[in-house]
Amino acid sequence: MKTTIARKTAYLGAGAGLVLFALFGLMPGSLLGGAMGINIAGWLFGLPLQPGILSRMIVLASMLMGVLVAGIVIVTATSSIGWLAGKVLESGVHAKEAAEAGKTAQK
C-alpha cells in the first residue's frame, strides 16, 4: 500500500481530533444531547418529567447521540484539515522534484 504525505497528515489530524474531542467535545456533546432528550421526553410525557424508565432511556439515548455526533464532527474536520495540509505539502514536493528533473534534462 502506498503511503503518502497526505495520508500521514490525515492520521495526525485524526489523532489531534481525538484529543480535541476528549478535551472539548465530550462534555458539550453530552450536555446538548441531554437537553435535547429532556425536551423530547417532555413533549412525550409532559414536564416536569417523572422518574420513569422510559424517559430516562430517551435522555440517555440522546446524550449518547450528542457525544457520537460531536466526535464524528470533530474527528472528521481535523482529519480533513490534516489531509488538505498533506496535499499542499505533496504538491510542493512534486513541484520541486519536477523542477529538479527539468534542470537535469536540460544538461
C-alpha atoms as a PDB file:
ATOM      1  CA  MET A   1       0.000   0.000   0.000  1.00  0.00           C
ATOM      2  CA  LYS A   2       1.321   3.394  -0.976  1.00  0.00           C
ATOM      3  CA  THR A   3       1.967   5.697   1.971  1.00  0.00           C
ATOM      4  CA  THR A   4       1.724   9.349   1.079  1.00  0.00           C
ATOM      5  CA  ILE A   5       2.288  12.567   2.944  1.00  0.00           C
ATOM      6  CA  ALA A   6      -1.453  13.323   2.755  1.00  0.00           C
ATOM      7  CA  ARG A   7      -2.328  10.009   4.402  1.00  0.00           C
ATOM      8  CA  LYS A   8       0.195  10.555   7.195  1.00  0.00           C
ATOM      9  CA  THR A   9      -1.047  14.064   7.889  1.00  0.00           C
ATOM     10  CA  ALA A  10      -4.664  12.830   7.829  1.00  0.00           C
ATOM     11  CA  TYR A  11      -3.751  10.319  10.544  1.00  0.00           C
ATOM     12  CA  LEU A  12      -2.058  13.083  12.521  1.00  0.00           C
ATOM     13  CA  GLY A  13      -5.165  15.228  12.127  1.00  0.00           C
ATOM     14  CA  ALA A  14      -7.397  12.366  13.297  1.00  0.00           C
ATOM     15  CA  GLY A  15      -5.208  11.858  16.363  1.00  0.00           C
ATOM     16  CA  ALA A  16      -5.335  15.542  17.146  1.00  0.00           C
ATOM     17  CA  GLY A  17      -9.095  15.429  16.648  1.00  0.00           C
ATOM     18  CA  LEU A  18      -9.450  12.632  19.190  1.00  0.00           C
ATOM     19  CA  VAL A  19      -7.518  14.683  21.717  1.00  0.00           C
ATOM     20  CA  LEU A  20      -9.606  17.777  20.973  1.00  0.00           C
ATOM     21  CA  PHE A  21     -12.781  15.713  21.271  1.00  0.00           C
ATOM     22  CA  ALA A  22     -11.692  14.375  24.645  1.00  0.00           C
ATOM     23  CA  LEU A  23     -10.909  17.889  25.870  1.00  0.00           C
ATOM     24  CA  PHE A  24     -13.645  20.000  24.298  1.00  0.00           C
ATOM     25  CA  GLY A  25     -16.313  17.771  22.775  1.00  0.00           C
ATOM     26  CA  LEU A  26     -17.267  15.136  25.300  1.00  0.00           C
ATOM     27  CA  MET A  27     -18.977  17.323  27.880  1.00  0.00           C
ATOM     28  CA  PRO A  28     -20.727  19.743  25.486  1.00  0.00           C
ATOM     29  CA  GLY A  29     -21.966  16.834  23.363  1.00  0.00           C
ATOM     30  CA  SER A  30     -23.372  15.132  26.425  1.00  0.00           C
ATOM     31  CA  LEU A  31     -24.908  18.358  27.708  1.00  0.00           C
ATOM     32  CA  LEU A  32     -26.569  19.332  24.438  1.00  0.00           C
ATOM     33  CA  GLY A  33     -27.752  15.788  23.797  1.00  0.00           C
ATOM     34  CA  GLY A  34     -29.191  15.571  27.311  1.00  0.00           C
ATOM     35  CA  ALA A  35     -31.017  18.856  26.877  1.00  0.00           C
ATOM     36  CA  MET A  36     -32.439  17.587  23.604  1.00  0.00           C
ATOM     37  CA  GLY A  37     -33.505  14.349  25.330  1.00  0.00           C
ATOM     38  CA  ILE A  38     -35.242  16.228  28.119  1.00  0.00           C
ATOM     39  CA  ASN A  39     -37.144  18.258  25.527  1.00  0.00           C
ATOM     40  CA  ILE A  40     -38.177  15.135  23.605  1.00  0.00           C
ATOM     41  CA  ALA A  41     -39.237  13.316  26.768  1.00  0.00           C
ATOM     42  CA  GLY A  42     -41.081  16.469  27.875  1.00  0.00           C
ATOM     43  CA  TRP A  43     -43.023  16.545  24.618  1.00  0.00           C
ATOM     44  CA  LEU A  44     -43.951  12.880  25.005  1.00  0.00           C
ATOM     45  CA  PHE A  45     -44.662  12.662  28.740  1.00  0.00           C
ATOM     46  CA  GLY A  46     -45.129  16.273  29.828  1.00  0.00           C
ATOM     47  CA  LEU A  47     -42.972  18.408  32.054  1.00  0.00           C
ATOM     48  CA  PRO A  48     -41.840  18.029  34.808  1.00  0.00           C
ATOM     49  CA  LEU A  49     -40.576  14.573  33.941  1.00  0.00           C
ATOM     50  CA  GLN A  50     -41.442  11.711  36.221  1.00  0.00           C
ATOM     51  CA  PRO A  51     -38.527   9.422  37.163  1.00  0.00           C
ATOM     52  CA  GLY A  52     -39.703   6.645  34.865  1.00  0.00           C
ATOM     53  CA  ILE A  53     -37.500   4.220  32.988  1.00  0.00           C
ATOM     54  CA  LEU A  54     -38.704   5.252  29.520  1.00  0.00           C
ATOM     55  CA  SER A  55     -37.993   8.949  29.982  1.00  0.00           C
ATOM     56  CA  ARG A  56     -34.540   8.134  31.351  1.00  0.00           C
ATOM     57  CA  MET A  57     -33.841   5.883  28.371  1.00  0.00           C
ATOM     58  CA  ILE A  58     -34.789   8.689  25.981  1.00  0.00           C
ATOM     59  CA  VAL A  59     -32.447  11.114  27.752  1.00  0.00           C
ATOM     60  CA  LEU A  60     -29.630   8.538  27.799  1.00  0.00           C
ATOM     61  CA  ALA A  61     -30.025   7.746  24.108  1.00  0.00           C
ATOM     62  CA  SER A  62     -29.964  11.411  23.178  1.00  0.00           C
ATOM     63  CA  MET A  63     -26.888  12.034  25.341  1.00  0.00           C
ATOM     64  CA  LEU A  64     -25.088   9.187  23.579  1.00  0.00           C
ATOM     65  CA  MET A  65     -26.195  10.552  20.224  1.00  0.00           C
ATOM     66  CA  GLY A  66     -24.884  14.010  21.131  1.00  0.00           C
ATOM     67  CA  VAL A  67     -21.493  12.587  22.107  1.00  0.00           C
ATOM     68  CA  LEU A  68     -21.355  10.486  18.941  1.00  0.00           C
ATOM     69  CA  VAL A  69     -22.202  13.405  16.676  1.00  0.00           C
ATOM     70  CA  ALA A  70     -19.662  15.664  18.399  1.00  0.00           C
ATOM     71  CA  GLY A  71     -16.961  13.002  17.994  1.00  0.00           C
ATOM     72  CA  ILE A  72     -17.732  12.410  14.338  1.00  0.00           C
ATOM     73  CA  VAL A  73     -17.760  16.111  13.516  1.00  0.00           C
ATOM     74  CA  ILE A  74     -14.543  16.958  15.351  1.00  0.00           C
ATOM     75  CA  VAL A  75     -12.508  13.975  14.131  1.00  0.00           C
ATOM     76  CA  THR A  76     -13.754  14.308  10.546  1.00  0.00           C
ATOM     77  CA  ALA A  77     -12.970  18.012  10.457  1.00  0.00           C
ATOM     78  CA  THR A  78      -9.460  17.668  11.861  1.00  0.00           C
ATOM     79  CA  SER A  79      -8.560  14.695   9.672  1.00  0.00           C
ATOM     80  CA  SER A  80      -9.828  16.594   6.611  1.00  0.00           C
ATOM     81  CA  ILE A  81      -7.710  19.581   7.563  1.00  0.00           C
ATOM     82  CA  GLY A  82      -4.714  17.277   8.003  1.00  0.00           C
ATOM     83  CA  TRP A  83      -5.341  15.628   4.635  1.00  0.00           C
ATOM     84  CA  LEU A  84      -5.600  19.027   2.918  1.00  0.00           C
ATOM     85  CA  ALA A  85      -2.357  20.159   4.547  1.00  0.00           C
ATOM     86  CA  GLY A  86      -0.705  16.954   3.324  1.00  0.00           C
ATOM     87  CA  LYS A  87      -1.940  17.546  -0.222  1.00  0.00           C
ATOM     88  CA  VAL A  88      -0.480  21.054  -0.127  1.00  0.00           C
ATOM     89  CA  LEU A  89       2.839  19.637   1.078  1.00  0.00           C
ATOM     90  CA  GLU A  90       2.769  16.936  -1.605  1.00  0.00           C
ATOM     91  CA  SER A  91       2.156  19.470  -4.346  1.00  0.00           C
ATOM     92  CA  GLY A  92       5.154  21.460  -3.146  1.00  0.00           C
ATOM     93  CA  VAL A  93       7.340  18.353  -3.111  1.00  0.00           C
ATOM     94  CA  HIS A  94       6.176  17.292  -6.578  1.00  0.00           C
ATOM     95  CA  ALA A  95       6.770  20.774  -7.979  1.00  0.00           C
ATOM     96  CA  LYS A  96      10.290  20.778  -6.529  1.00  0.00           C
ATOM     97  CA  GLU A  97      11.000  17.322  -7.974  1.00  0.00           C
ATOM     98  CA  ALA A  98       9.677  18.381 -11.387  1.00  0.00           C
ATOM     99  CA  ALA A  99      11.889  21.484 -11.367  1.00  0.00           C
ATOM    100  CA  GLU A 100      14.943  19.389 -10.493  1.00  0.00           C
ATOM    101  CA  ALA A 101      14.082  16.861 -13.191  1.00  0.00           C
ATOM    102  CA  GLY A 102      13.762  19.697 -15.721  1.00  0.00           C
ATOM    103  CA  LYS A 103      17.223  21.018 -14.789  1.00  0.00           C
ATOM    104  CA  THR A 104      18.861  17.603 -15.180  1.00  0.00           C
ATOM    105  CA  ALA A 105      17.118  17.028 -18.532  1.00  0.00           C
ATOM    106  CA  GLN A 106      18.492  20.326 -19.873  1.00  0.00           C
ATOM    107  CA  LYS A 107      22.089  19.392 -19.075  1.00  0.00           C
END
